[in-house]
C-alpha cells in the first residue's frame, strides 16, 4: 500500500519519486555522462466525465483499463519505461533517452495516440483527451522534483508543441508562465488597491477635426511591476474572469466621469467603453448598465459600448435580445476592430449597431498597401449603405487622414490628433472654444 496505487496497481507517487531519483543517480554516475532520461507527465482531461455520468465504481474500472493500456505502452519499446499514477487523472513515466530526443518523441506520440482512442465503459465510449508534457534530464531539471515539475509545466502550457497535445518543456515558456502568474496575482488586488485608472482618447470628425467624444481606455500601474500593458493584463483578466469586476468598475468610472464633465461644462460628453466577450455574456450586464445610467444620470446617447465581432458570434438570438435591451436604455452600440473577424456580415443587418470601427491594422498601411486601402474603403461603403457611422482607429499621419477624407470616413482617433489623455487634460480640451 505504501508503494502501489490501490486502484490501478501502478507505482504510486512516492515510489515513482524514489525510482526517478535512483535513475538520475545511476545516470549521473555512469561513464560518458550516462544515457539521459525523460519524464512524461500525462493528464487525462476528461476522465472525470466517467465518474460524473456512471459513478465512482465505473470510474475505478476505467482507471484499471487505463493502467493496463499504460503498462502495455511501457512494454512495447526498449526505453525501459515505467508508468505510475500520481493523483486523480494524472500519470507519469520515466524512460531512458539514450536514443535522443527522437526516441522520446516517438514514445510520447505513440502514447498520445493510444490514450486518444475511445475507452469502453459500461456500454459507452469515452474520450479522455490526453495532454502530455515532456522534460529531459539533465537539461530541464537535475533532481526528481525539478524534472517532474518541468514535465508538469510543459503539460500545462509552458512547453513547445510537438503535436496537438504533446509539449516538450521550454525554459522560455516556463519563464513566460511564471510572469503571467505574477501579473495575475497582482491583478487580483489591483482594484482594491486603487491601481487602475482610465484615460480617454479623443474622437474627432475626419473632415472638420471637430471633437465628438472619447474612448475610455484602461491603464494599470503596479508598485512592483510598474506600468503593465493592456496587451499583457487584459487577456489574463479575460481568462481568469477578473474582467467581470474590472469591467463593471470601468463602466461605473466612465459614467461617474461623464456626470462630472456634464456638470462642469454644461453639456453632455459622449464616452465609449469597451465590453470584453466574457463581460458581454455576463447575466448581470444589463443590471450593471441600468444602475450606472441611473446613478450618474447619464443622458440618452452619451454612453456607447464597443463590442468585438467575436462576442457576437455565438447564441445569436440571445445576443440580439441583449443588444436591443441595451439600445432601449439609450446606449449606442459599436462594433470594435471591424474587419478582423471571420463572421458572416448578416449580423450587421440584424443587430442594432450604429457605428463600425475600422481596425488599426488596415489604417496603419494606408498609402503603403493597396489591399488595406481597398478593405478600408469597402468598410466605409458598406457602412454608408447600411446607414452606419465609421470610425478609423490608430490614425497617425496626415497621409492616412487624407485618404480617409477621400473615402468619406466619418470619424477617427489616433496619435495624429491626440494620445489618450488623463482626465485633467481632457478637461483642458473640453474647455477650449469650439
Protein backbone atom coordinates (compact mmCIF):
# COMPACT_ATOMS: atom_id res chain seq x y z
CA UNK A 1 0.00 0.00 0.00
CA UNK A 2 2.95 2.30 0.62
CA UNK A 3 4.42 1.57 -2.81
CA UNK A 4 1.48 0.98 -5.17
CA UNK A 5 -1.77 2.72 -6.08
CA UNK A 6 -4.67 0.75 -4.61
CA UNK A 7 -6.94 1.08 -7.67
CA UNK A 8 -4.58 0.69 -10.62
CA UNK A 9 -1.77 -1.37 -9.12
CA UNK A 10 0.71 1.06 -10.69
CA UNK A 11 3.56 2.54 -8.66
CA UNK A 12 2.28 5.48 -6.63
CA UNK A 13 3.80 8.95 -6.35
CA UNK A 14 6.18 8.01 -3.52
CA UNK A 15 7.59 5.01 -5.38
CA UNK A 16 7.83 6.98 -8.63
CA UNK A 17 9.87 9.65 -6.84
CA UNK A 18 12.29 7.02 -5.46
CA UNK A 19 12.54 5.30 -8.82
CA UNK A 20 13.21 8.58 -10.61
CA UNK A 21 15.84 9.65 -8.08
CA UNK A 22 17.53 6.25 -8.45
CA UNK A 23 17.58 6.54 -12.24
CA UNK A 24 19.01 10.06 -12.02
CA UNK A 25 21.75 8.94 -9.63
CA UNK A 26 22.66 6.00 -11.83
CA UNK A 27 22.71 8.14 -14.96
CA UNK A 28 24.86 10.79 -13.29
CA UNK A 29 27.34 8.16 -12.11
CA UNK A 30 27.54 6.38 -15.48
CA UNK A 31 30.53 6.75 -17.74
CA UNK A 32 30.46 9.35 -20.53
CA UNK A 33 27.64 11.27 -18.89
CA UNK A 34 25.06 8.50 -18.94
CA UNK A 35 22.30 7.77 -21.43
CA UNK A 36 19.93 10.54 -20.43
CA UNK A 37 16.41 10.30 -19.06
CA UNK A 38 12.99 11.66 -19.89
CA UNK A 39 9.96 12.21 -17.70
CA UNK A 40 6.48 12.35 -19.22
CA UNK A 41 3.51 13.82 -17.36
CA UNK A 42 0.15 12.56 -18.68
CA UNK A 43 -3.13 14.28 -17.77
CA UNK A 44 -6.46 12.78 -18.89
CA UNK A 45 -8.57 15.92 -19.09
CA UNK A 46 -11.98 14.23 -19.40
CA UNK A 47 -11.57 11.17 -17.19
CA UNK A 48 -13.87 12.80 -14.62
CA UNK A 49 -16.80 12.53 -17.06
CA UNK A 50 -16.98 8.78 -16.44
CA UNK A 51 -17.45 9.34 -12.69
CA UNK A 52 -19.88 12.21 -13.34
CA UNK A 53 -22.09 10.02 -15.54
CA UNK A 54 -21.68 6.47 -14.20
CA UNK A 55 -20.37 6.85 -10.65
CA UNK A 56 -17.19 6.07 -8.74
CA UNK A 57 -17.21 2.31 -9.28
CA UNK A 58 -17.26 2.83 -13.05
CA UNK A 59 -14.51 5.42 -12.60
CA UNK A 60 -12.36 2.83 -10.81
CA UNK A 61 -12.94 0.31 -13.59
CA UNK A 62 -11.93 2.93 -16.12
CA UNK A 63 -8.74 3.64 -14.16
CA UNK A 64 -7.84 -0.05 -14.21
CA UNK A 65 -8.34 -0.11 -18.00
CA UNK A 66 -6.11 2.95 -18.33
CA UNK A 67 -3.45 1.27 -16.18
CA UNK A 68 -3.48 -1.81 -18.44
CA UNK A 69 -3.01 0.40 -21.50
CA UNK A 70 -0.13 2.25 -19.88
CA UNK A 71 1.60 -0.98 -18.87
CA UNK A 72 1.30 -2.13 -22.47
CA UNK A 73 2.81 1.11 -23.72
CA UNK A 74 5.79 0.67 -21.39
CA UNK A 75 6.42 -2.87 -22.59
CA UNK A 76 6.39 -2.14 -26.32
CA UNK A 77 9.79 -0.48 -26.74
CA UNK A 78 13.31 -0.65 -25.35
CA UNK A 79 13.08 2.62 -23.44
CA UNK A 80 12.85 0.89 -20.07
CA UNK A 81 9.73 2.95 -19.41
CA UNK A 82 7.84 2.74 -16.11
CA UNK A 83 4.37 4.18 -15.54
CA UNK A 84 2.96 5.49 -12.25
CA UNK A 85 -0.23 7.08 -11.02
CA UNK A 86 0.49 10.41 -9.37
CA UNK A 87 -3.01 11.54 -8.37
CA UNK A 88 -6.53 11.63 -9.81
CA UNK A 89 -6.26 11.67 -13.59
CA UNK A 90 -2.52 12.44 -13.61
CA UNK A 91 0.03 9.78 -14.53
CA UNK A 92 3.79 9.85 -15.06
CA UNK A 93 6.51 7.93 -16.88
CA UNK A 94 10.24 7.72 -16.58
CA UNK A 95 12.15 6.33 -19.56
CA UNK A 96 15.67 6.09 -20.92
CA UNK A 97 16.56 8.65 -23.57
CA UNK A 98 19.70 7.03 -24.97
CA UNK A 99 18.27 7.30 -28.46
CA UNK A 100 17.99 11.07 -28.11
CA UNK A 101 15.01 13.35 -28.43
CA UNK A 102 13.59 11.45 -31.43
CA UNK A 103 13.21 8.32 -29.31
CA UNK A 104 11.33 10.28 -26.65
CA UNK A 105 9.16 11.99 -29.28
CA UNK A 106 8.25 8.60 -30.75
CA UNK A 107 7.23 7.27 -27.33
CA UNK A 108 5.17 10.39 -26.50
CA UNK A 109 3.33 10.38 -29.83
CA UNK A 110 2.50 6.66 -29.55
CA UNK A 111 1.28 7.19 -26.00
CA UNK A 112 -0.87 10.12 -27.08
CA UNK A 113 -2.38 8.11 -29.94
CA UNK A 114 -3.06 5.19 -27.61
CA UNK A 115 -4.85 7.31 -25.00
CA UNK A 116 -6.79 9.32 -27.60
CA UNK A 117 -8.85 6.31 -28.64
CA UNK A 118 -12.22 5.50 -27.06
CA UNK A 119 -12.33 3.87 -23.63
CA UNK A 120 -15.28 1.48 -23.43
CA UNK A 121 -17.04 1.58 -20.02
CA UNK A 122 -20.50 0.12 -19.29
CA UNK A 123 -21.57 0.17 -22.91
CA UNK A 124 -20.37 3.70 -23.61
CA UNK A 125 -17.31 5.11 -25.36
CA UNK A 126 -15.44 7.87 -23.54
CA UNK A 127 -12.67 10.04 -24.96
CA UNK A 128 -10.19 11.04 -22.29
CA UNK A 129 -8.44 13.94 -24.08
CA UNK A 130 -4.83 13.22 -23.06
CA UNK A 131 -2.30 16.03 -22.65
CA UNK A 132 1.39 15.21 -22.33
CA UNK A 133 4.32 17.21 -21.03
CA UNK A 134 7.90 16.03 -21.56
CA UNK A 135 11.06 17.02 -19.68
CA UNK A 136 14.61 15.83 -20.40
CA UNK A 137 17.39 15.16 -17.87
CA UNK A 138 19.64 17.00 -17.16
CA UNK A 139 18.61 19.95 -19.33
CA UNK A 140 15.19 20.53 -17.75
CA UNK A 141 15.99 19.56 -14.16
CA UNK A 142 18.76 17.88 -12.19
CA UNK A 143 16.65 16.25 -9.48
CA UNK A 144 13.36 14.38 -9.38
CA UNK A 145 11.31 17.32 -8.15
CA UNK A 146 12.64 19.81 -10.70
CA UNK A 147 12.38 17.34 -13.57
CA UNK A 148 8.79 16.38 -12.84
CA UNK A 149 7.76 20.00 -12.28
CA UNK A 150 9.18 20.78 -15.72
CA UNK A 151 7.12 17.97 -17.27
CA UNK A 152 4.00 19.21 -15.45
CA UNK A 153 4.70 22.76 -16.58
CA UNK A 154 5.03 21.63 -20.18
CA UNK A 155 1.67 19.83 -19.97
CA UNK A 156 0.01 22.94 -18.54
CA UNK A 157 1.24 25.29 -21.26
CA UNK A 158 4.91 26.11 -20.58
CA UNK A 159 6.09 23.97 -23.47
CA UNK A 160 6.70 23.80 -27.20
CA UNK A 161 4.12 21.77 -29.12
CA UNK A 162 5.32 18.62 -30.80
CA UNK A 163 1.79 17.58 -31.62
CA UNK A 164 -1.64 18.90 -30.77
CA UNK A 165 -1.37 17.81 -27.13
CA UNK A 166 2.28 16.77 -26.69
CA UNK A 167 4.52 19.50 -25.29
CA UNK A 168 8.26 19.50 -24.62
CA UNK A 169 9.40 21.71 -21.77
CA UNK A 170 10.69 25.15 -22.78
CA UNK A 171 12.64 27.30 -20.33
CA UNK A 172 11.49 30.49 -22.07
CA UNK A 173 7.83 29.39 -21.99
CA UNK A 174 8.27 28.45 -18.36
CA UNK A 175 9.56 31.95 -17.65
CA UNK A 176 6.61 33.43 -19.52
CA UNK A 177 4.22 31.28 -17.49
CA UNK A 178 5.85 32.50 -14.27
CA UNK A 179 5.50 36.09 -15.43
CA UNK A 180 1.82 35.57 -16.31
CA UNK A 181 1.12 34.10 -12.90
CA UNK A 182 2.91 37.03 -11.25
CA UNK A 183 0.81 39.50 -13.24
CA UNK A 184 -2.35 37.58 -12.35
CA UNK A 185 -1.51 37.60 -8.64
CA UNK A 186 -1.04 41.40 -8.64
CA UNK A 187 -4.07 41.97 -10.88
CA UNK A 188 -6.32 40.21 -8.36
CA UNK A 189 -5.55 43.01 -5.88
CA UNK A 190 -5.36 45.91 -8.33
CA UNK A 191 -8.96 47.08 -7.88
CA UNK A 192 -8.95 47.16 -4.09
CA UNK A 193 -5.54 48.85 -4.07
CA UNK A 194 -6.68 51.60 -6.44
CA UNK A 195 -4.05 50.81 -9.08
CA UNK A 196 -6.39 51.03 -12.07
CA UNK A 197 -7.36 54.23 -13.84
CA UNK A 198 -9.00 55.37 -17.07
CA UNK A 199 -7.51 57.54 -19.78
CA UNK A 200 -9.54 58.99 -22.62
CA UNK A 201 -8.68 59.08 -26.32
CA UNK A 202 -10.45 61.81 -28.28
CA UNK A 203 -12.60 61.02 -31.30
CA UNK A 204 -12.87 63.73 -33.95
CA UNK A 205 -14.55 64.17 -37.31
CA UNK A 206 -12.38 63.45 -40.32
CA UNK A 207 -13.48 66.50 -42.30
CA UNK A 208 -13.76 69.31 -39.71
CA UNK A 209 -11.45 67.94 -36.96
CA UNK A 210 -14.30 68.57 -34.53
CA UNK A 211 -14.24 66.79 -31.16
CA UNK A 212 -17.20 64.40 -30.87
CA UNK A 213 -16.33 62.22 -27.88
CA UNK A 214 -13.82 59.92 -26.21
CA UNK A 215 -12.98 56.26 -25.82
CA UNK A 216 -12.24 55.21 -22.23
CA UNK A 217 -9.10 53.05 -22.04
CA UNK A 218 -7.97 51.06 -19.01
CA UNK A 219 -4.48 51.56 -17.56
CA UNK A 220 -2.74 49.75 -14.71
CA UNK A 221 0.31 50.85 -12.75
CA UNK A 222 1.58 48.48 -10.07
CA UNK A 223 4.21 49.48 -7.45
CA UNK A 224 6.25 46.35 -8.18
CA UNK A 225 5.59 45.75 -11.89
CA UNK A 226 5.35 49.38 -12.99
CA UNK A 227 3.07 50.25 -15.92
CA UNK A 228 1.62 46.99 -17.28
CA UNK A 229 0.45 46.97 -20.89
CA UNK A 230 -3.23 46.18 -21.52
CA UNK A 231 -1.96 43.67 -24.11
CA UNK A 232 -0.47 41.75 -21.18
CA UNK A 233 -3.10 42.05 -18.46
CA UNK A 234 -6.43 42.19 -20.34
CA UNK A 235 -6.13 38.62 -21.76
CA UNK A 236 -5.26 37.38 -18.24
CA UNK A 237 -8.28 39.20 -16.83
CA UNK A 238 -10.48 37.69 -19.53
CA UNK A 239 -9.19 34.15 -18.99
CA UNK A 240 -9.48 34.24 -15.19
CA UNK A 241 -12.84 36.00 -15.01
CA UNK A 242 -11.33 39.09 -13.36
CA UNK A 243 -12.62 41.04 -16.35
CA UNK A 244 -16.13 40.91 -14.82
CA UNK A 245 -15.45 43.06 -11.72
CA UNK A 246 -12.85 45.14 -13.57
CA UNK A 247 -15.25 45.76 -16.47
CA UNK A 248 -18.01 46.81 -14.07
CA UNK A 249 -15.57 49.22 -12.42
CA UNK A 250 -14.61 50.70 -15.82
CA UNK A 251 -18.25 51.27 -16.75
CA UNK A 252 -19.00 52.92 -13.40
CA UNK A 253 -15.89 55.13 -13.52
CA UNK A 254 -16.70 56.27 -17.06
CA UNK A 255 -20.29 57.15 -16.11
CA UNK A 256 -19.11 58.98 -12.99
CA UNK A 257 -16.66 60.96 -15.12
CA UNK A 258 -19.36 61.78 -17.67
CA UNK A 259 -21.56 63.17 -14.89
CA UNK A 260 -18.69 65.30 -13.60
CA UNK A 261 -17.85 66.71 -17.04
CA UNK A 262 -21.51 67.43 -17.83
CA UNK A 263 -21.77 69.43 -14.58
CA UNK A 264 -18.52 71.33 -15.25
CA UNK A 265 -19.14 72.24 -18.89
CA UNK A 266 -22.92 72.37 -19.07
CA UNK A 267 -23.21 69.82 -21.86
CA UNK A 268 -23.13 66.02 -22.19
CA UNK A 269 -19.84 64.41 -23.20
CA UNK A 270 -20.01 61.17 -25.18
CA UNK A 271 -17.77 58.32 -23.96
CA UNK A 272 -17.29 54.84 -25.42
CA UNK A 273 -16.48 51.88 -23.16
CA UNK A 274 -15.18 48.51 -24.36
CA UNK A 275 -17.02 45.33 -23.39
CA UNK A 276 -14.99 42.11 -23.48
CA UNK A 277 -16.67 38.95 -24.85
CA UNK A 278 -16.86 37.42 -21.37
CA UNK A 279 -18.31 40.58 -19.88
CA UNK A 280 -20.82 40.91 -22.73
CA UNK A 281 -22.29 37.48 -21.95
CA UNK A 282 -22.44 38.08 -18.19
CA UNK A 283 -26.03 37.77 -16.91
CA UNK A 284 -25.72 40.84 -14.69
CA UNK A 285 -24.59 43.14 -17.54
CA UNK A 286 -27.98 44.81 -18.12
CA UNK A 287 -28.47 45.47 -14.40
CA UNK A 288 -24.99 47.00 -14.18
CA UNK A 289 -25.63 49.29 -17.16
CA UNK A 290 -29.04 50.28 -15.81
CA UNK A 291 -27.63 51.10 -12.36
CA UNK A 292 -24.77 53.21 -13.75
CA UNK A 293 -27.03 55.17 -16.09
CA UNK A 294 -29.47 55.91 -13.26
CA UNK A 295 -26.92 56.61 -10.52
CA UNK A 296 -24.90 59.06 -12.62
CA UNK A 297 -27.81 60.48 -14.63
CA UNK A 298 -26.16 59.77 -17.98
CA UNK A 299 -28.16 61.39 -20.81
CA UNK A 300 -29.52 59.19 -23.60
CA UNK A 301 -27.00 58.73 -26.41
CA UNK A 302 -23.99 59.74 -24.30
CA UNK A 303 -22.73 56.25 -23.46
CA UNK A 304 -21.53 53.94 -26.22
CA UNK A 305 -20.48 50.32 -25.74
CA UNK A 306 -17.90 48.82 -28.09
CA UNK A 307 -18.18 45.07 -28.74
CA UNK A 308 -15.84 42.89 -30.78
CA UNK A 309 -17.11 40.72 -33.61
CA UNK A 310 -16.15 37.54 -31.76
CA UNK A 311 -18.53 38.40 -28.90
CA UNK A 312 -21.44 38.37 -31.35
CA UNK A 313 -20.79 35.04 -32.99
CA UNK A 314 -22.43 32.66 -30.51
CA UNK A 315 -26.01 32.48 -29.24
CA UNK A 316 -27.28 34.91 -31.87
CA UNK A 317 -30.85 35.08 -30.57
CA UNK A 318 -29.67 35.86 -27.03
CA UNK A 319 -27.21 38.44 -28.37
CA UNK A 320 -29.95 40.07 -30.45
CA UNK A 321 -32.27 40.36 -27.43
CA UNK A 322 -29.47 41.70 -25.23
CA UNK A 323 -28.40 44.33 -27.75
CA UNK A 324 -31.96 45.53 -28.22
CA UNK A 325 -32.38 45.80 -24.45
CA UNK A 326 -29.20 47.88 -24.28
CA UNK A 327 -30.42 50.16 -27.08
CA UNK A 328 -33.73 50.65 -25.25
CA UNK A 329 -31.70 52.06 -22.35
CA UNK A 330 -30.48 54.83 -24.67
CA UNK A 331 -26.99 53.36 -25.10
CA UNK A 332 -25.33 53.25 -28.53
CA UNK A 333 -23.52 50.14 -29.79
CA UNK A 334 -20.40 49.93 -31.94
CA UNK A 335 -18.50 47.00 -33.48
CA UNK A 336 -14.84 47.27 -32.45
CA UNK A 337 -11.88 46.08 -34.58
CA UNK A 338 -14.19 45.59 -37.54
CA UNK A 339 -12.70 43.58 -40.40
CA UNK A 340 -10.57 41.25 -38.28
CA UNK A 341 -13.28 38.70 -37.59
CA UNK A 342 -14.32 35.72 -39.68
CA UNK A 343 -18.06 36.07 -39.36
CA UNK A 344 -20.95 36.48 -41.73
CA UNK A 345 -21.88 40.11 -42.38
CA UNK A 346 -25.54 39.22 -41.85
CA UNK A 347 -25.32 40.35 -38.23
CA UNK A 348 -24.85 43.97 -39.35
CA UNK A 349 -28.38 43.90 -40.71
CA UNK A 350 -29.78 42.01 -37.73
CA UNK A 351 -28.11 43.65 -34.73
CA UNK A 352 -28.92 47.27 -33.72
CA UNK A 353 -25.42 48.73 -34.05
CA UNK A 354 -24.83 52.35 -35.03
CA UNK A 355 -21.08 52.50 -35.64
CA UNK A 356 -18.21 50.42 -37.09
CA UNK A 357 -14.62 50.91 -36.01
CA UNK A 358 -12.05 50.05 -38.69
CA UNK A 359 -9.20 48.10 -37.10
CA UNK A 360 -5.86 49.91 -36.87
CA UNK A 361 -4.18 47.11 -38.84
CA UNK A 362 -5.87 48.40 -42.01
CA UNK A 363 -5.28 52.08 -41.20
CA UNK A 364 -1.56 51.57 -40.44
CA UNK A 365 -0.80 50.52 -44.03
CA UNK A 366 -2.87 53.15 -45.83
CA UNK A 367 -0.69 54.65 -48.56
CA UNK A 368 1.68 51.66 -48.48
CA UNK A 369 -0.59 48.69 -49.10
CA UNK A 370 -3.35 48.71 -51.73
CA UNK A 371 -5.15 45.81 -50.05
CA UNK A 372 -5.51 47.72 -46.77
CA UNK A 373 -6.88 50.73 -48.64
CA UNK A 374 -9.34 48.51 -50.52
CA UNK A 375 -10.55 46.91 -47.27
CA UNK A 376 -10.93 50.28 -45.52
CA UNK A 377 -12.87 51.70 -48.48
CA UNK A 378 -15.10 48.61 -48.59
CA UNK A 379 -15.93 49.01 -44.90
CA UNK A 380 -16.76 52.70 -45.36
CA UNK A 381 -19.00 51.93 -48.36
CA UNK A 382 -20.67 49.04 -46.54
CA UNK A 383 -21.38 51.25 -43.54
CA UNK A 384 -22.75 54.03 -45.70
CA UNK A 385 -25.12 51.57 -47.40
CA UNK A 386 -26.34 50.39 -44.01
CA UNK A 387 -26.59 53.96 -42.65
CA UNK A 388 -23.88 53.35 -40.05
CA UNK A 389 -21.12 55.68 -38.90
CA UNK A 390 -17.46 54.69 -39.41
CA UNK A 391 -14.57 55.41 -37.03
CA UNK A 392 -10.95 54.76 -38.09
CA UNK A 393 -8.63 53.64 -35.28
CA UNK A 394 -4.91 54.36 -34.98
CA UNK A 395 -4.56 57.32 -37.37
CA UNK A 396 -1.01 58.63 -37.03
CA UNK A 397 -0.14 60.52 -40.25
CA UNK A 398 -1.59 63.27 -42.40
CA UNK A 399 -1.40 60.90 -45.39
CA UNK A 400 -3.66 58.39 -43.64
CA UNK A 401 -6.10 61.16 -42.74
CA UNK A 402 -6.14 62.46 -46.33
CA UNK A 403 -7.05 59.01 -47.65
CA UNK A 404 -9.80 58.64 -45.05
CA UNK A 405 -11.13 62.03 -46.09
CA UNK A 406 -11.26 60.85 -49.72
CA UNK A 407 -13.15 57.75 -48.61
CA UNK A 408 -15.67 59.94 -46.71
CA UNK A 409 -14.93 58.21 -43.40
CA UNK A 410 -16.86 59.91 -40.58
CA UNK A 411 -14.56 59.98 -37.54
CA UNK A 412 -11.10 58.95 -36.41
CA UNK A 413 -8.96 58.58 -33.33
CA UNK A 414 -5.22 58.24 -33.01
CA UNK A 415 -1.94 59.96 -32.17
CA UNK A 416 -2.29 62.36 -35.10
CA UNK A 417 -4.89 64.27 -33.11
CA UNK A 418 -4.05 63.16 -29.58
CA UNK A 419 -2.71 60.31 -27.49
CA UNK A 420 -5.01 59.01 -24.71
CA UNK A 421 -5.40 61.77 -22.10
CA UNK A 422 -5.64 61.82 -18.34
CA UNK A 423 -8.95 63.26 -17.11
CA UNK A 424 -7.38 66.61 -16.18
CA UNK A 425 -6.06 67.01 -19.74
CA UNK A 426 -9.50 66.13 -21.12
CA UNK A 427 -10.95 68.99 -19.11
CA UNK A 428 -8.45 71.39 -20.67
CA UNK A 429 -9.50 70.14 -24.11
CA UNK A 430 -13.22 70.42 -23.35
CA UNK A 431 -12.69 73.95 -22.04
CA UNK A 432 -11.34 75.20 -25.37
CA UNK A 433 -13.71 77.22 -27.56
CA UNK A 434 -15.28 75.11 -30.33
